[in-house]
N, C-alpha and C. Protein backbone atom coordinates (compact mmCIF):
# COMPACT_ATOMS: atom_id res chain seq x y z
N UNK A 1 21.20 0.69 13.25
CA UNK A 1 19.93 1.17 12.77
C UNK A 1 18.81 0.45 13.52
N UNK A 2 17.79 1.19 13.86
CA UNK A 2 16.66 0.61 14.58
C UNK A 2 15.55 0.25 13.60
N UNK A 3 15.08 -0.98 13.67
CA UNK A 3 13.97 -1.44 12.84
C UNK A 3 12.76 -1.72 13.72
N UNK A 4 11.61 -1.22 13.31
CA UNK A 4 10.35 -1.56 13.97
C UNK A 4 9.81 -2.81 13.27
N UNK A 5 9.33 -3.75 14.07
CA UNK A 5 8.83 -5.02 13.54
C UNK A 5 7.31 -4.97 13.47
N UNK A 6 6.78 -5.34 12.31
CA UNK A 6 5.33 -5.45 12.11
C UNK A 6 5.05 -6.91 11.74
N UNK A 7 4.36 -7.61 12.62
CA UNK A 7 4.03 -9.03 12.39
C UNK A 7 2.70 -9.14 11.65
N UNK A 8 2.72 -9.93 10.60
CA UNK A 8 1.49 -10.17 9.85
C UNK A 8 0.56 -11.04 10.68
N UNK A 9 -0.71 -10.66 10.74
CA UNK A 9 -1.69 -11.48 11.46
C UNK A 9 -1.88 -12.81 10.73
N UNK A 10 -2.15 -13.86 11.49
CA UNK A 10 -2.25 -15.20 10.90
C UNK A 10 -3.31 -15.31 9.81
N UNK A 11 -4.41 -14.61 9.95
CA UNK A 11 -5.46 -14.69 8.92
C UNK A 11 -4.95 -14.15 7.59
N UNK A 12 -4.19 -13.09 7.61
CA UNK A 12 -3.63 -12.52 6.38
C UNK A 12 -2.45 -13.35 5.88
N UNK A 13 -1.70 -13.96 6.79
CA UNK A 13 -0.52 -14.74 6.41
C UNK A 13 -0.89 -15.93 5.53
N UNK A 14 -2.00 -16.55 5.82
CA UNK A 14 -2.42 -17.72 5.03
C UNK A 14 -2.65 -17.32 3.57
N UNK A 15 -3.33 -16.21 3.35
CA UNK A 15 -3.56 -15.74 1.98
C UNK A 15 -2.25 -15.32 1.33
N UNK A 16 -1.37 -14.69 2.10
CA UNK A 16 -0.08 -14.24 1.57
C UNK A 16 0.76 -15.43 1.13
N UNK A 17 0.72 -16.48 1.93
CA UNK A 17 1.51 -17.68 1.64
C UNK A 17 1.13 -18.29 0.29
N UNK A 18 -0.16 -18.26 -0.03
CA UNK A 18 -0.64 -18.92 -1.24
C UNK A 18 -0.74 -18.00 -2.45
N UNK A 19 -0.48 -16.72 -2.25
CA UNK A 19 -0.55 -15.77 -3.38
C UNK A 19 0.66 -15.96 -4.29
N UNK A 20 0.48 -15.66 -5.56
CA UNK A 20 1.58 -15.74 -6.51
C UNK A 20 2.65 -14.72 -6.13
N UNK A 21 3.91 -15.10 -6.29
CA UNK A 21 5.00 -14.18 -5.98
C UNK A 21 5.06 -13.10 -7.05
N UNK A 22 5.13 -11.87 -6.62
CA UNK A 22 5.32 -10.75 -7.53
C UNK A 22 6.55 -9.99 -7.07
N UNK A 23 7.30 -9.48 -8.03
CA UNK A 23 8.47 -8.70 -7.65
C UNK A 23 8.12 -7.23 -7.74
N UNK A 24 8.92 -6.42 -7.12
CA UNK A 24 8.65 -4.99 -7.11
C UNK A 24 8.04 -4.56 -5.80
N UNK A 25 7.51 -3.37 -5.80
CA UNK A 25 6.95 -2.77 -4.59
C UNK A 25 5.71 -3.53 -4.13
N UNK A 26 5.72 -3.97 -2.88
CA UNK A 26 4.58 -4.67 -2.30
C UNK A 26 3.71 -3.65 -1.56
N UNK A 27 2.40 -3.82 -1.65
CA UNK A 27 1.46 -2.96 -0.94
C UNK A 27 0.92 -3.75 0.24
N UNK A 28 1.06 -3.20 1.45
CA UNK A 28 0.63 -3.88 2.67
C UNK A 28 -0.48 -3.07 3.34
N UNK A 29 -1.47 -3.76 3.84
CA UNK A 29 -2.57 -3.10 4.55
C UNK A 29 -2.27 -3.08 6.04
N UNK A 30 -2.23 -1.90 6.64
CA UNK A 30 -1.90 -1.81 8.08
C UNK A 30 -2.79 -2.68 8.96
N UNK A 31 -4.04 -2.89 8.56
CA UNK A 31 -4.96 -3.69 9.40
C UNK A 31 -4.53 -5.16 9.49
N UNK A 32 -3.65 -5.60 8.57
CA UNK A 32 -3.18 -6.98 8.56
C UNK A 32 -1.94 -7.20 9.43
N UNK A 33 -1.50 -6.16 10.15
CA UNK A 33 -0.26 -6.23 10.91
C UNK A 33 -0.44 -5.78 12.35
N UNK A 34 0.44 -6.29 13.20
CA UNK A 34 0.49 -5.89 14.60
C UNK A 34 1.92 -5.47 14.93
N UNK A 35 2.07 -4.37 15.66
CA UNK A 35 3.39 -3.94 16.10
C UNK A 35 3.97 -4.99 17.03
N UNK A 36 5.28 -5.26 16.86
CA UNK A 36 5.90 -6.33 17.65
C UNK A 36 7.28 -5.93 18.15
N UNK A 37 7.45 -4.67 18.49
CA UNK A 37 8.72 -4.26 19.08
C UNK A 37 9.72 -3.76 18.06
N UNK A 38 10.97 -3.66 18.49
CA UNK A 38 12.06 -3.13 17.69
C UNK A 38 13.26 -4.05 17.77
N UNK A 39 14.16 -3.90 16.79
CA UNK A 39 15.42 -4.61 16.82
C UNK A 39 16.50 -3.67 16.29
N UNK A 40 17.63 -3.65 16.97
CA UNK A 40 18.78 -2.85 16.54
C UNK A 40 19.66 -3.75 15.68
N UNK A 41 19.87 -3.34 14.40
CA UNK A 41 20.65 -4.16 13.49
C UNK A 41 21.29 -3.29 12.42
N UNK A 42 22.35 -3.81 11.79
CA UNK A 42 23.06 -3.08 10.75
C UNK A 42 22.28 -3.05 9.44
N UNK A 43 21.45 -4.07 9.21
CA UNK A 43 20.67 -4.17 7.97
C UNK A 43 19.45 -5.04 8.24
N UNK A 44 18.57 -5.12 7.26
CA UNK A 44 17.39 -5.98 7.40
C UNK A 44 17.82 -7.44 7.55
N UNK A 45 18.85 -7.85 6.81
CA UNK A 45 19.30 -9.24 6.90
C UNK A 45 19.95 -9.53 8.25
N UNK A 46 20.62 -8.53 8.81
CA UNK A 46 21.18 -8.68 10.16
C UNK A 46 20.04 -8.83 11.17
N UNK A 47 18.99 -8.03 11.00
CA UNK A 47 17.81 -8.14 11.89
C UNK A 47 17.20 -9.53 11.76
N UNK A 48 17.08 -10.03 10.53
CA UNK A 48 16.51 -11.36 10.29
C UNK A 48 17.34 -12.43 11.00
N UNK A 49 18.68 -12.31 10.91
CA UNK A 49 19.57 -13.27 11.56
C UNK A 49 19.44 -13.21 13.08
N UNK A 50 19.41 -12.00 13.63
CA UNK A 50 19.26 -11.87 15.08
C UNK A 50 17.94 -12.46 15.56
N UNK A 51 16.87 -12.16 14.86
CA UNK A 51 15.55 -12.64 15.28
C UNK A 51 15.42 -14.16 15.09
N UNK A 52 16.07 -14.68 14.05
CA UNK A 52 16.03 -16.12 13.79
C UNK A 52 16.69 -16.89 14.92
N UNK A 53 17.77 -16.34 15.49
CA UNK A 53 18.47 -17.04 16.56
C UNK A 53 17.77 -16.88 17.91
N UNK A 54 16.78 -15.99 17.98
CA UNK A 54 16.02 -15.81 19.22
C UNK A 54 14.75 -16.65 19.19
N UNK A 55 13.79 -16.26 19.98
CA UNK A 55 12.55 -17.05 20.04
C UNK A 55 11.41 -16.42 19.24
N UNK A 56 11.71 -15.38 18.43
CA UNK A 56 10.65 -14.77 17.62
C UNK A 56 11.18 -14.41 16.23
N UNK A 57 11.44 -15.44 15.39
CA UNK A 57 11.98 -15.17 14.06
C UNK A 57 10.98 -14.43 13.17
N UNK A 58 11.51 -13.78 12.13
CA UNK A 58 10.64 -13.16 11.13
C UNK A 58 10.10 -14.25 10.22
N UNK A 59 8.84 -14.15 9.86
CA UNK A 59 8.21 -15.09 8.95
C UNK A 59 7.87 -14.37 7.66
N UNK A 60 7.63 -15.13 6.62
CA UNK A 60 7.22 -14.56 5.35
C UNK A 60 5.98 -13.70 5.57
N UNK A 61 6.06 -12.47 5.07
CA UNK A 61 4.96 -11.52 5.24
C UNK A 61 5.21 -10.48 6.31
N UNK A 62 6.12 -10.75 7.24
CA UNK A 62 6.43 -9.77 8.28
C UNK A 62 7.17 -8.58 7.65
N UNK A 63 7.06 -7.43 8.28
CA UNK A 63 7.65 -6.20 7.75
C UNK A 63 8.61 -5.59 8.76
N UNK A 64 9.73 -5.10 8.24
CA UNK A 64 10.66 -4.29 9.02
C UNK A 64 10.55 -2.86 8.52
N UNK A 65 10.42 -1.93 9.45
CA UNK A 65 10.35 -0.50 9.12
C UNK A 65 11.59 0.18 9.68
N UNK A 66 12.37 0.82 8.81
CA UNK A 66 13.59 1.45 9.29
C UNK A 66 13.31 2.85 9.82
N UNK A 67 14.35 3.53 10.27
CA UNK A 67 14.20 4.84 10.91
C UNK A 67 13.65 5.91 9.98
N UNK A 68 13.78 5.71 8.67
CA UNK A 68 13.25 6.68 7.71
C UNK A 68 11.84 6.29 7.24
N UNK A 69 11.22 5.32 7.91
CA UNK A 69 9.87 4.83 7.62
C UNK A 69 9.78 4.03 6.32
N UNK A 70 10.93 3.59 5.78
CA UNK A 70 10.92 2.70 4.62
C UNK A 70 10.58 1.30 5.10
N UNK A 71 9.77 0.60 4.32
CA UNK A 71 9.31 -0.74 4.70
C UNK A 71 10.00 -1.80 3.85
N UNK A 72 10.34 -2.91 4.49
CA UNK A 72 10.88 -4.09 3.82
C UNK A 72 10.05 -5.28 4.26
N UNK A 73 9.48 -6.00 3.28
CA UNK A 73 8.65 -7.16 3.60
C UNK A 73 9.46 -8.43 3.37
N UNK A 74 9.37 -9.36 4.31
CA UNK A 74 10.07 -10.64 4.20
C UNK A 74 9.30 -11.53 3.23
N UNK A 75 10.00 -11.99 2.20
CA UNK A 75 9.41 -12.92 1.23
C UNK A 75 10.29 -14.15 1.16
N UNK A 76 9.85 -15.15 0.41
CA UNK A 76 10.64 -16.37 0.27
C UNK A 76 11.99 -16.09 -0.36
N UNK A 77 12.09 -15.04 -1.16
CA UNK A 77 13.34 -14.73 -1.88
C UNK A 77 14.20 -13.71 -1.15
N UNK A 78 13.81 -13.28 0.01
CA UNK A 78 14.55 -12.27 0.76
C UNK A 78 13.62 -11.12 1.12
N UNK A 79 14.16 -9.92 1.16
CA UNK A 79 13.38 -8.73 1.48
C UNK A 79 13.10 -7.93 0.21
N UNK A 80 11.92 -7.36 0.15
CA UNK A 80 11.57 -6.47 -0.95
C UNK A 80 10.91 -5.23 -0.38
N UNK A 81 11.00 -4.14 -1.13
CA UNK A 81 10.41 -2.88 -0.69
C UNK A 81 8.90 -3.02 -0.59
N UNK A 82 8.32 -2.27 0.33
CA UNK A 82 6.87 -2.28 0.52
C UNK A 82 6.42 -0.88 0.90
N UNK A 83 5.14 -0.67 0.83
CA UNK A 83 4.55 0.57 1.33
C UNK A 83 3.17 0.25 1.87
N UNK A 84 2.73 1.09 2.80
CA UNK A 84 1.39 0.91 3.36
C UNK A 84 0.36 1.33 2.33
N UNK A 85 -0.71 0.57 2.25
CA UNK A 85 -1.83 0.89 1.37
C UNK A 85 -2.57 2.08 1.95
N UNK A 86 -2.87 3.03 1.11
CA UNK A 86 -3.69 4.17 1.53
C UNK A 86 -4.85 4.29 0.56
N UNK A 87 -6.06 4.43 1.08
CA UNK A 87 -7.22 4.50 0.20
C UNK A 87 -7.20 5.78 -0.64
N UNK A 88 -7.80 5.69 -1.82
CA UNK A 88 -7.93 6.86 -2.68
C UNK A 88 -8.83 7.86 -1.96
N UNK A 89 -8.49 9.15 -2.03
CA UNK A 89 -9.40 10.13 -1.41
C UNK A 89 -10.73 10.13 -2.16
N UNK A 90 -11.80 10.23 -1.40
CA UNK A 90 -13.12 10.25 -2.02
C UNK A 90 -13.29 11.57 -2.76
N UNK A 91 -13.83 11.47 -3.97
CA UNK A 91 -14.03 12.69 -4.74
C UNK A 91 -15.23 13.44 -4.18
N UNK A 92 -15.24 14.74 -4.41
CA UNK A 92 -16.34 15.58 -3.92
C UNK A 92 -17.63 15.17 -4.64
N UNK A 93 -18.75 15.21 -3.93
CA UNK A 93 -20.01 14.86 -4.59
C UNK A 93 -20.30 15.87 -5.70
N UNK A 94 -20.97 15.43 -6.76
CA UNK A 94 -21.27 16.36 -7.85
C UNK A 94 -22.15 17.50 -7.35
N UNK A 95 -21.91 18.67 -7.90
CA UNK A 95 -22.70 19.83 -7.47
C UNK A 95 -24.11 19.71 -8.02
N UNK A 96 -25.05 20.39 -7.38
CA UNK A 96 -26.45 20.31 -7.81
C UNK A 96 -26.77 21.35 -8.88
N UNK A 97 -25.77 22.15 -9.29
CA UNK A 97 -26.01 23.15 -10.33
C UNK A 97 -26.15 22.46 -11.68
N UNK A 98 -27.08 22.93 -12.51
CA UNK A 98 -27.25 22.31 -13.83
C UNK A 98 -26.03 22.61 -14.69
N UNK A 99 -25.72 21.73 -15.64
CA UNK A 99 -24.57 21.98 -16.50
C UNK A 99 -24.80 23.23 -17.33
N UNK A 100 -23.76 24.01 -17.53
CA UNK A 100 -23.91 25.23 -18.31
C UNK A 100 -23.83 24.91 -19.78
N UNK A 101 -24.68 25.55 -20.57
CA UNK A 101 -24.68 25.36 -22.02
C UNK A 101 -23.76 26.39 -22.64
N UNK A 102 -23.19 26.05 -23.78
CA UNK A 102 -22.32 26.97 -24.51
C UNK A 102 -23.22 27.88 -25.35
N UNK A 103 -23.49 29.04 -24.81
CA UNK A 103 -24.39 29.96 -25.49
C UNK A 103 -23.57 31.10 -26.07
N UNK A 104 -23.73 31.33 -27.40
CA UNK A 104 -22.99 32.39 -28.07
C UNK A 104 -23.75 33.70 -28.02
N UNK A 105 -23.26 34.69 -28.75
CA UNK A 105 -23.89 36.02 -28.77
C UNK A 105 -25.29 35.98 -29.34
N UNK A 106 -25.58 35.03 -30.21
CA UNK A 106 -26.91 34.97 -30.82
C UNK A 106 -27.94 34.38 -29.85
N UNK A 107 -27.48 33.86 -28.74
CA UNK A 107 -28.39 33.26 -27.78
C UNK A 107 -28.68 31.81 -28.07
N UNK A 108 -28.05 31.27 -29.09
CA UNK A 108 -28.28 29.87 -29.45
C UNK A 108 -27.13 29.02 -28.92
N UNK A 109 -27.38 27.78 -28.76
CA UNK A 109 -26.38 26.84 -28.30
C UNK A 109 -25.21 26.82 -29.27
N UNK A 110 -24.04 26.53 -28.77
CA UNK A 110 -22.84 26.46 -29.59
C UNK A 110 -22.89 25.34 -30.61
N UNK A 111 -23.77 24.37 -30.44
CA UNK A 111 -23.90 23.25 -31.37
C UNK A 111 -24.91 23.66 -32.43
N UNK A 112 -24.43 23.99 -33.62
CA UNK A 112 -25.33 24.47 -34.66
C UNK A 112 -25.79 23.36 -35.58
N UNK A 113 -25.35 22.16 -35.38
CA UNK A 113 -25.77 21.07 -36.24
C UNK A 113 -27.20 20.68 -35.92
N UNK A 114 -27.96 20.35 -36.95
CA UNK A 114 -29.35 19.93 -36.76
C UNK A 114 -29.37 18.52 -36.21
N UNK A 115 -30.34 18.20 -35.37
CA UNK A 115 -30.41 16.85 -34.82
C UNK A 115 -30.67 15.84 -35.92
N UNK A 116 -30.11 14.66 -35.77
CA UNK A 116 -30.32 13.58 -36.73
C UNK A 116 -31.46 12.71 -36.25
N UNK A 117 -32.41 12.44 -37.14
CA UNK A 117 -33.56 11.62 -36.77
C UNK A 117 -33.48 10.28 -37.38
């Protein structure tokens, strides 16, 4: 299996190192990573072992992306699932049309209660 390596930039790594450990799906911001080549390995742990014995080991915060685009982030406890952060789509600006009133057959507003003073 081919894994793409994403190295965490040093500025982001410092914050990652000191953040509280959370389990579950990790959210990673693409701007905090740099592409760093590929490694052919049977699993993420095999990739970690191969890279550790070379001159560019994986560090905490680095991400491996497999052929199906699934992400695994290296943490102190091993690898955990991750996904790239995507911003919420911006909602459409409110229309300039005035709000419609609930007008019945009598021509009066649907709210028949008298105002409270």
